[in-house]
Amino acid sequence: MPSVTRFQVNNPSASALDIDRALNERAEAFAQQRPYAQTWRGAGLSMQPLIPPNAWIVTETIPFEALERGQVVLFAKSNQRRVAHALVKKTREGWITAGVNNQQIADRTRVTRQNYIGVVTAAFVAEP
């Protein structure tokens, strides 16, 4: 299983909007302490249970050459949709990726220097 540091917010009396704001604020504060870090809003089920839908994620840009199997990266598909998936295998055409929840199905888009955005280092999630 890939490694992403998870930070949870648990406030049963808070509204969903309040929890989302708290997650965003914590992700932004975390990112501000790191060079080349950005926050993003997650969606989809492909990275469960590691990263649930609606999590706020933090990416840090490291050199493309330093990427390693198992890291979770954010990249842009040809339609510019951003995807966070785990690196599975390096090929001449780029990295093969797949979601944690669908490891049997590799993504068609390869991660290359051109579409690589960053490594997901943290996820801020609401505790169920």
N, C-alpha and C. Protein backbone atom coordinates (compact mmCIF):
# COMPACT_ATOMS: atom_id res chain seq x y z
N MET A 1 0.86 -1.18 0.00
CA MET A 1 0.00 0.00 0.00
C MET A 1 0.89 1.23 0.00
N PRO A 2 0.61 2.18 -0.86
CA PRO A 2 1.38 3.42 -0.88
C PRO A 2 1.28 4.16 0.45
N SER A 3 2.22 5.04 0.69
CA SER A 3 2.25 5.80 1.93
C SER A 3 1.85 7.25 1.69
N VAL A 4 0.81 7.67 2.41
CA VAL A 4 0.37 9.06 2.42
C VAL A 4 -0.01 9.35 3.86
N THR A 5 0.53 10.41 4.43
CA THR A 5 0.20 10.76 5.80
C THR A 5 -1.24 11.27 5.85
N ARG A 6 -2.04 10.66 6.73
CA ARG A 6 -3.45 11.06 6.86
C ARG A 6 -3.65 11.87 8.13
N PHE A 7 -4.37 12.96 7.98
CA PHE A 7 -4.75 13.80 9.11
C PHE A 7 -6.26 13.80 9.16
N GLN A 8 -6.83 13.48 10.32
CA GLN A 8 -8.28 13.37 10.43
C GLN A 8 -8.86 14.49 11.27
N VAL A 9 -10.05 14.91 10.89
CA VAL A 9 -10.81 15.91 11.64
C VAL A 9 -12.06 15.21 12.14
N ASN A 10 -12.30 15.31 13.44
CA ASN A 10 -13.48 14.68 14.02
C ASN A 10 -14.19 15.71 14.88
N ASN A 11 -15.34 16.17 14.40
CA ASN A 11 -16.18 17.09 15.15
C ASN A 11 -17.62 16.75 14.81
N PRO A 12 -18.23 15.83 15.58
CA PRO A 12 -19.58 15.36 15.26
C PRO A 12 -20.64 16.46 15.17
N SER A 13 -20.44 17.58 15.87
CA SER A 13 -21.45 18.64 15.85
C SER A 13 -21.26 19.63 14.70
N ALA A 14 -20.17 19.53 13.96
CA ALA A 14 -19.91 20.46 12.86
C ALA A 14 -20.67 20.05 11.61
N SER A 15 -21.02 21.04 10.80
CA SER A 15 -21.67 20.75 9.52
C SER A 15 -20.63 20.23 8.54
N ALA A 16 -21.11 19.64 7.47
CA ALA A 16 -20.20 19.14 6.43
C ALA A 16 -19.37 20.27 5.86
N LEU A 17 -19.97 21.44 5.69
CA LEU A 17 -19.24 22.59 5.17
C LEU A 17 -18.15 23.05 6.14
N ASP A 18 -18.47 23.07 7.43
CA ASP A 18 -17.47 23.45 8.44
C ASP A 18 -16.30 22.47 8.46
N ILE A 19 -16.60 21.18 8.35
CA ILE A 19 -15.54 20.16 8.33
C ILE A 19 -14.68 20.33 7.09
N ASP A 20 -15.32 20.58 5.94
CA ASP A 20 -14.57 20.77 4.70
C ASP A 20 -13.65 21.98 4.81
N ARG A 21 -14.15 23.06 5.38
CA ARG A 21 -13.32 24.25 5.57
C ARG A 21 -12.14 23.95 6.49
N ALA A 22 -12.38 23.21 7.57
CA ALA A 22 -11.31 22.86 8.51
C ALA A 22 -10.25 22.00 7.81
N LEU A 23 -10.70 21.04 7.00
CA LEU A 23 -9.76 20.20 6.26
C LEU A 23 -8.92 21.05 5.32
N ASN A 24 -9.58 21.96 4.59
CA ASN A 24 -8.87 22.82 3.66
C ASN A 24 -7.87 23.71 4.38
N GLU A 25 -8.27 24.30 5.49
CA GLU A 25 -7.37 25.16 6.23
C GLU A 25 -6.15 24.40 6.73
N ARG A 26 -6.36 23.19 7.22
CA ARG A 26 -5.23 22.39 7.71
C ARG A 26 -4.32 21.98 6.57
N ALA A 27 -4.90 21.62 5.44
CA ALA A 27 -4.08 21.26 4.27
C ALA A 27 -3.27 22.45 3.79
N GLU A 28 -3.90 23.63 3.73
CA GLU A 28 -3.19 24.84 3.30
C GLU A 28 -2.04 25.18 4.26
N ALA A 29 -2.29 25.07 5.57
CA ALA A 29 -1.25 25.37 6.55
C ALA A 29 -0.09 24.38 6.42
N PHE A 30 -0.41 23.12 6.19
CA PHE A 30 0.60 22.08 6.00
C PHE A 30 1.44 22.40 4.76
N ALA A 31 0.76 22.75 3.66
CA ALA A 31 1.45 23.02 2.39
C ALA A 31 2.35 24.25 2.50
N GLN A 32 1.93 25.26 3.24
CA GLN A 32 2.72 26.48 3.37
C GLN A 32 4.06 26.25 4.06
N GLN A 33 4.18 25.16 4.77
CA GLN A 33 5.43 24.85 5.48
C GLN A 33 6.42 24.09 4.60
N ARG A 34 6.02 23.79 3.37
CA ARG A 34 6.86 23.00 2.49
C ARG A 34 7.08 23.73 1.17
N PRO A 35 8.32 23.68 0.67
CA PRO A 35 8.56 24.31 -0.63
C PRO A 35 7.89 23.51 -1.74
N TYR A 36 7.36 24.18 -2.72
CA TYR A 36 6.77 23.57 -3.90
C TYR A 36 5.59 22.66 -3.58
N ALA A 37 4.82 22.98 -2.53
CA ALA A 37 3.65 22.20 -2.17
C ALA A 37 2.38 22.93 -2.58
N GLN A 38 1.36 22.15 -2.94
CA GLN A 38 0.06 22.70 -3.33
C GLN A 38 -1.04 21.84 -2.72
N THR A 39 -2.21 22.43 -2.56
CA THR A 39 -3.37 21.66 -2.08
C THR A 39 -4.35 21.45 -3.22
N TRP A 40 -5.07 20.35 -3.14
CA TRP A 40 -6.03 19.97 -4.16
C TRP A 40 -7.22 19.30 -3.49
N ARG A 41 -8.37 19.40 -4.10
CA ARG A 41 -9.57 18.74 -3.61
C ARG A 41 -9.68 17.38 -4.30
N GLY A 42 -9.77 16.33 -3.51
CA GLY A 42 -9.89 14.99 -4.06
C GLY A 42 -11.34 14.63 -4.37
N ALA A 43 -11.52 13.69 -5.26
CA ALA A 43 -12.84 13.17 -5.62
C ALA A 43 -12.66 11.75 -6.12
N GLY A 44 -13.71 10.99 -6.15
CA GLY A 44 -13.65 9.64 -6.71
C GLY A 44 -13.30 8.59 -5.68
N LEU A 45 -13.47 7.35 -6.09
CA LEU A 45 -13.32 6.20 -5.19
C LEU A 45 -12.06 5.39 -5.43
N SER A 46 -11.29 5.72 -6.45
CA SER A 46 -10.18 4.86 -6.88
C SER A 46 -9.04 4.73 -5.87
N MET A 47 -8.93 5.65 -4.93
CA MET A 47 -7.82 5.58 -3.97
C MET A 47 -8.26 5.14 -2.57
N GLN A 48 -9.52 4.75 -2.42
CA GLN A 48 -9.99 4.23 -1.13
C GLN A 48 -9.31 2.91 -0.86
N PRO A 49 -9.00 2.58 0.35
CA PRO A 49 -9.25 3.31 1.59
C PRO A 49 -8.16 4.32 1.95
N LEU A 50 -7.09 4.39 1.17
CA LEU A 50 -5.98 5.29 1.48
C LEU A 50 -6.44 6.76 1.48
N ILE A 51 -7.10 7.17 0.43
CA ILE A 51 -7.60 8.54 0.32
C ILE A 51 -9.08 8.47 -0.05
N PRO A 52 -9.96 8.85 0.88
CA PRO A 52 -11.39 8.80 0.57
C PRO A 52 -11.81 9.98 -0.31
N PRO A 53 -13.00 9.88 -0.93
CA PRO A 53 -13.50 11.01 -1.71
C PRO A 53 -13.62 12.25 -0.82
N ASN A 54 -13.49 13.41 -1.43
CA ASN A 54 -13.64 14.70 -0.77
C ASN A 54 -12.53 15.04 0.21
N ALA A 55 -11.44 14.31 0.18
CA ALA A 55 -10.28 14.65 1.01
C ALA A 55 -9.57 15.83 0.36
N TRP A 56 -8.83 16.56 1.16
CA TRP A 56 -7.93 17.58 0.66
C TRP A 56 -6.55 16.96 0.65
N ILE A 57 -5.87 17.00 -0.49
CA ILE A 57 -4.54 16.39 -0.58
C ILE A 57 -3.49 17.47 -0.78
N VAL A 58 -2.28 17.14 -0.37
CA VAL A 58 -1.14 18.03 -0.56
C VAL A 58 -0.14 17.30 -1.45
N THR A 59 0.30 18.00 -2.50
CA THR A 59 1.34 17.45 -3.36
C THR A 59 2.60 18.27 -3.18
N GLU A 60 3.72 17.59 -3.31
CA GLU A 60 5.02 18.25 -3.29
C GLU A 60 5.74 17.86 -4.57
N THR A 61 6.31 18.85 -5.22
CA THR A 61 7.00 18.59 -6.48
C THR A 61 8.43 18.16 -6.18
N ILE A 62 8.73 16.93 -6.57
CA ILE A 62 10.10 16.42 -6.50
C ILE A 62 10.53 16.15 -7.94
N PRO A 63 11.82 16.04 -8.19
CA PRO A 63 12.24 15.79 -9.57
C PRO A 63 11.63 14.50 -10.13
N PHE A 64 11.26 14.54 -11.39
CA PHE A 64 10.66 13.39 -12.05
C PHE A 64 11.56 12.15 -11.93
N GLU A 65 12.86 12.37 -12.02
CA GLU A 65 13.83 11.26 -11.95
C GLU A 65 13.82 10.58 -10.57
N ALA A 66 13.35 11.27 -9.57
CA ALA A 66 13.36 10.72 -8.20
C ALA A 66 12.10 9.93 -7.86
N LEU A 67 11.14 9.86 -8.79
CA LEU A 67 9.91 9.11 -8.51
C LEU A 67 10.23 7.64 -8.31
N GLU A 68 9.46 7.01 -7.40
CA GLU A 68 9.68 5.60 -7.08
C GLU A 68 8.36 4.84 -7.08
N ARG A 69 8.45 3.57 -7.43
CA ARG A 69 7.28 2.68 -7.41
C ARG A 69 6.59 2.79 -6.05
N GLY A 70 5.26 2.85 -6.07
CA GLY A 70 4.48 2.90 -4.85
C GLY A 70 4.08 4.29 -4.42
N GLN A 71 4.79 5.32 -4.91
CA GLN A 71 4.40 6.68 -4.56
C GLN A 71 3.06 7.01 -5.22
N VAL A 72 2.29 7.86 -4.57
CA VAL A 72 1.06 8.36 -5.16
C VAL A 72 1.38 9.70 -5.79
N VAL A 73 1.07 9.84 -7.07
CA VAL A 73 1.35 11.09 -7.78
C VAL A 73 0.08 11.69 -8.35
N LEU A 74 0.11 12.99 -8.52
CA LEU A 74 -0.97 13.70 -9.20
C LEU A 74 -0.47 14.02 -10.59
N PHE A 75 -1.28 13.70 -11.60
CA PHE A 75 -0.90 13.98 -12.98
C PHE A 75 -2.14 14.37 -13.76
N ALA A 76 -1.92 14.95 -14.93
CA ALA A 76 -3.02 15.39 -15.79
C ALA A 76 -3.18 14.41 -16.94
N LYS A 77 -4.41 13.98 -17.16
CA LYS A 77 -4.71 13.16 -18.32
C LYS A 77 -4.78 14.05 -19.56
N SER A 78 -4.93 13.45 -20.74
CA SER A 78 -4.97 14.24 -21.98
C SER A 78 -6.13 15.22 -22.01
N ASN A 79 -7.21 14.93 -21.28
CA ASN A 79 -8.35 15.86 -21.22
C ASN A 79 -8.18 16.90 -20.11
N GLN A 80 -6.98 16.95 -19.54
CA GLN A 80 -6.59 17.88 -18.46
C GLN A 80 -7.22 17.54 -17.11
N ARG A 81 -7.95 16.45 -17.02
CA ARG A 81 -8.49 16.01 -15.73
C ARG A 81 -7.32 15.52 -14.88
N ARG A 82 -7.25 15.97 -13.64
CA ARG A 82 -6.17 15.56 -12.74
C ARG A 82 -6.55 14.27 -12.02
N VAL A 83 -5.55 13.38 -11.89
CA VAL A 83 -5.76 12.08 -11.26
C VAL A 83 -4.63 11.83 -10.28
N ALA A 84 -4.98 11.31 -9.10
CA ALA A 84 -3.97 10.89 -8.12
C ALA A 84 -4.02 9.37 -8.04
N HIS A 85 -2.97 8.73 -8.51
CA HIS A 85 -2.87 7.26 -8.48
C HIS A 85 -1.45 6.85 -8.13
N ALA A 86 -1.30 5.58 -7.77
CA ALA A 86 -0.01 5.04 -7.35
C ALA A 86 0.84 4.64 -8.56
N LEU A 87 2.14 4.89 -8.45
CA LEU A 87 3.08 4.46 -9.48
C LEU A 87 3.26 2.95 -9.38
N VAL A 88 3.08 2.27 -10.50
CA VAL A 88 3.15 0.81 -10.52
C VAL A 88 4.43 0.31 -11.17
N LYS A 89 4.76 0.87 -12.34
CA LYS A 89 5.93 0.38 -13.09
C LYS A 89 6.43 1.47 -14.02
N LYS A 90 7.76 1.60 -14.09
CA LYS A 90 8.37 2.58 -14.98
C LYS A 90 8.64 1.92 -16.33
N THR A 91 8.25 2.60 -17.41
CA THR A 91 8.48 2.11 -18.77
C THR A 91 9.15 3.22 -19.58
N ARG A 92 9.52 2.93 -20.81
CA ARG A 92 10.11 3.95 -21.67
C ARG A 92 9.12 5.07 -21.99
N GLU A 93 7.82 4.74 -21.98
CA GLU A 93 6.79 5.73 -22.29
C GLU A 93 6.37 6.54 -21.08
N GLY A 94 6.85 6.18 -19.90
CA GLY A 94 6.47 6.86 -18.66
C GLY A 94 6.00 5.86 -17.62
N TRP A 95 5.56 6.37 -16.48
CA TRP A 95 5.12 5.51 -15.40
C TRP A 95 3.71 4.99 -15.63
N ILE A 96 3.51 3.70 -15.37
CA ILE A 96 2.17 3.11 -15.34
C ILE A 96 1.62 3.36 -13.95
N THR A 97 0.36 3.77 -13.87
CA THR A 97 -0.29 4.05 -12.59
C THR A 97 -1.60 3.28 -12.47
N ALA A 98 -2.07 3.17 -11.24
CA ALA A 98 -3.38 2.57 -10.98
C ALA A 98 -3.88 3.07 -9.63
N GLY A 99 -5.18 3.09 -9.48
CA GLY A 99 -5.78 3.44 -8.21
C GLY A 99 -5.62 2.30 -7.22
N VAL A 100 -5.53 2.62 -5.95
CA VAL A 100 -5.41 1.59 -4.91
C VAL A 100 -6.63 0.67 -4.94
N ASN A 101 -7.79 1.23 -5.22
CA ASN A 101 -9.04 0.48 -5.20
C ASN A 101 -9.26 -0.30 -6.50
N ASN A 102 -8.45 -0.09 -7.50
CA ASN A 102 -8.58 -0.82 -8.77
C ASN A 102 -7.21 -1.19 -9.32
N GLN A 103 -6.37 -1.80 -8.49
CA GLN A 103 -5.00 -2.15 -8.87
C GLN A 103 -4.92 -3.07 -10.09
N GLN A 104 -5.98 -3.78 -10.39
CA GLN A 104 -5.95 -4.70 -11.52
C GLN A 104 -6.08 -3.96 -12.86
N ILE A 105 -6.49 -2.68 -12.81
CA ILE A 105 -6.72 -1.93 -14.04
C ILE A 105 -5.75 -0.75 -14.08
N ALA A 106 -4.76 -0.86 -14.95
CA ALA A 106 -3.78 0.23 -15.09
C ALA A 106 -4.39 1.37 -15.89
N ASP A 107 -3.97 2.59 -15.56
CA ASP A 107 -4.41 3.76 -16.32
C ASP A 107 -3.81 3.73 -17.72
N ARG A 108 -4.55 4.21 -18.69
CA ARG A 108 -4.03 4.29 -20.06
C ARG A 108 -2.99 5.39 -20.20
N THR A 109 -3.22 6.50 -19.51
CA THR A 109 -2.29 7.63 -19.56
C THR A 109 -1.06 7.32 -18.73
N ARG A 110 0.11 7.48 -19.31
CA ARG A 110 1.35 7.29 -18.58
C ARG A 110 1.76 8.62 -17.95
N VAL A 111 2.43 8.54 -16.81
CA VAL A 111 2.94 9.75 -16.16
C VAL A 111 4.29 10.06 -16.78
N THR A 112 4.39 11.26 -17.34
CA THR A 112 5.62 11.72 -18.00
C THR A 112 6.03 13.05 -17.38
N ARG A 113 7.17 13.55 -17.77
CA ARG A 113 7.60 14.88 -17.32
C ARG A 113 6.55 15.94 -17.64
N GLN A 114 5.88 15.79 -18.76
CA GLN A 114 4.95 16.80 -19.23
C GLN A 114 3.64 16.85 -18.43
N ASN A 115 3.17 15.72 -17.92
CA ASN A 115 1.88 15.72 -17.23
C ASN A 115 1.99 15.49 -15.72
N TYR A 116 3.18 15.29 -15.24
CA TYR A 116 3.43 15.09 -13.80
C TYR A 116 3.25 16.41 -13.06
N ILE A 117 2.48 16.37 -11.95
CA ILE A 117 2.25 17.56 -11.15
C ILE A 117 3.00 17.49 -9.83
N GLY A 118 2.90 16.36 -9.13
CA GLY A 118 3.61 16.23 -7.85
C GLY A 118 3.27 14.93 -7.15
N VAL A 119 3.99 14.67 -6.07
CA VAL A 119 3.79 13.48 -5.24
C VAL A 119 2.82 13.84 -4.12
N VAL A 120 1.82 13.00 -3.92
CA VAL A 120 0.87 13.23 -2.83
C VAL A 120 1.56 12.80 -1.53
N THR A 121 1.74 13.76 -0.63
CA THR A 121 2.43 13.47 0.64
C THR A 121 1.49 13.48 1.83
N ALA A 122 0.32 14.09 1.69
CA ALA A 122 -0.61 14.15 2.82
C ALA A 122 -2.05 14.20 2.31
N ALA A 123 -2.94 13.66 3.12
CA ALA A 123 -4.37 13.72 2.83
C ALA A 123 -5.08 14.13 4.11
N PHE A 124 -5.96 15.09 4.00
CA PHE A 124 -6.73 15.57 5.14
C PHE A 124 -8.16 15.10 4.95
N VAL A 125 -8.61 14.25 5.88
CA VAL A 125 -9.89 13.56 5.72
C VAL A 125 -10.78 13.76 6.96
N ALA A 126 -12.08 13.64 6.72
CA ALA A 126 -13.04 13.68 7.83
C ALA A 126 -13.17 12.28 8.40
N GLU A 127 -13.11 12.17 9.68
CA GLU A 127 -13.25 10.88 10.33
C GLU A 127 -14.71 10.46 10.28
N PRO A 128 -14.97 9.22 9.90
CA PRO A 128 -16.37 8.78 9.80
C PRO A 128 -17.09 8.75 11.13
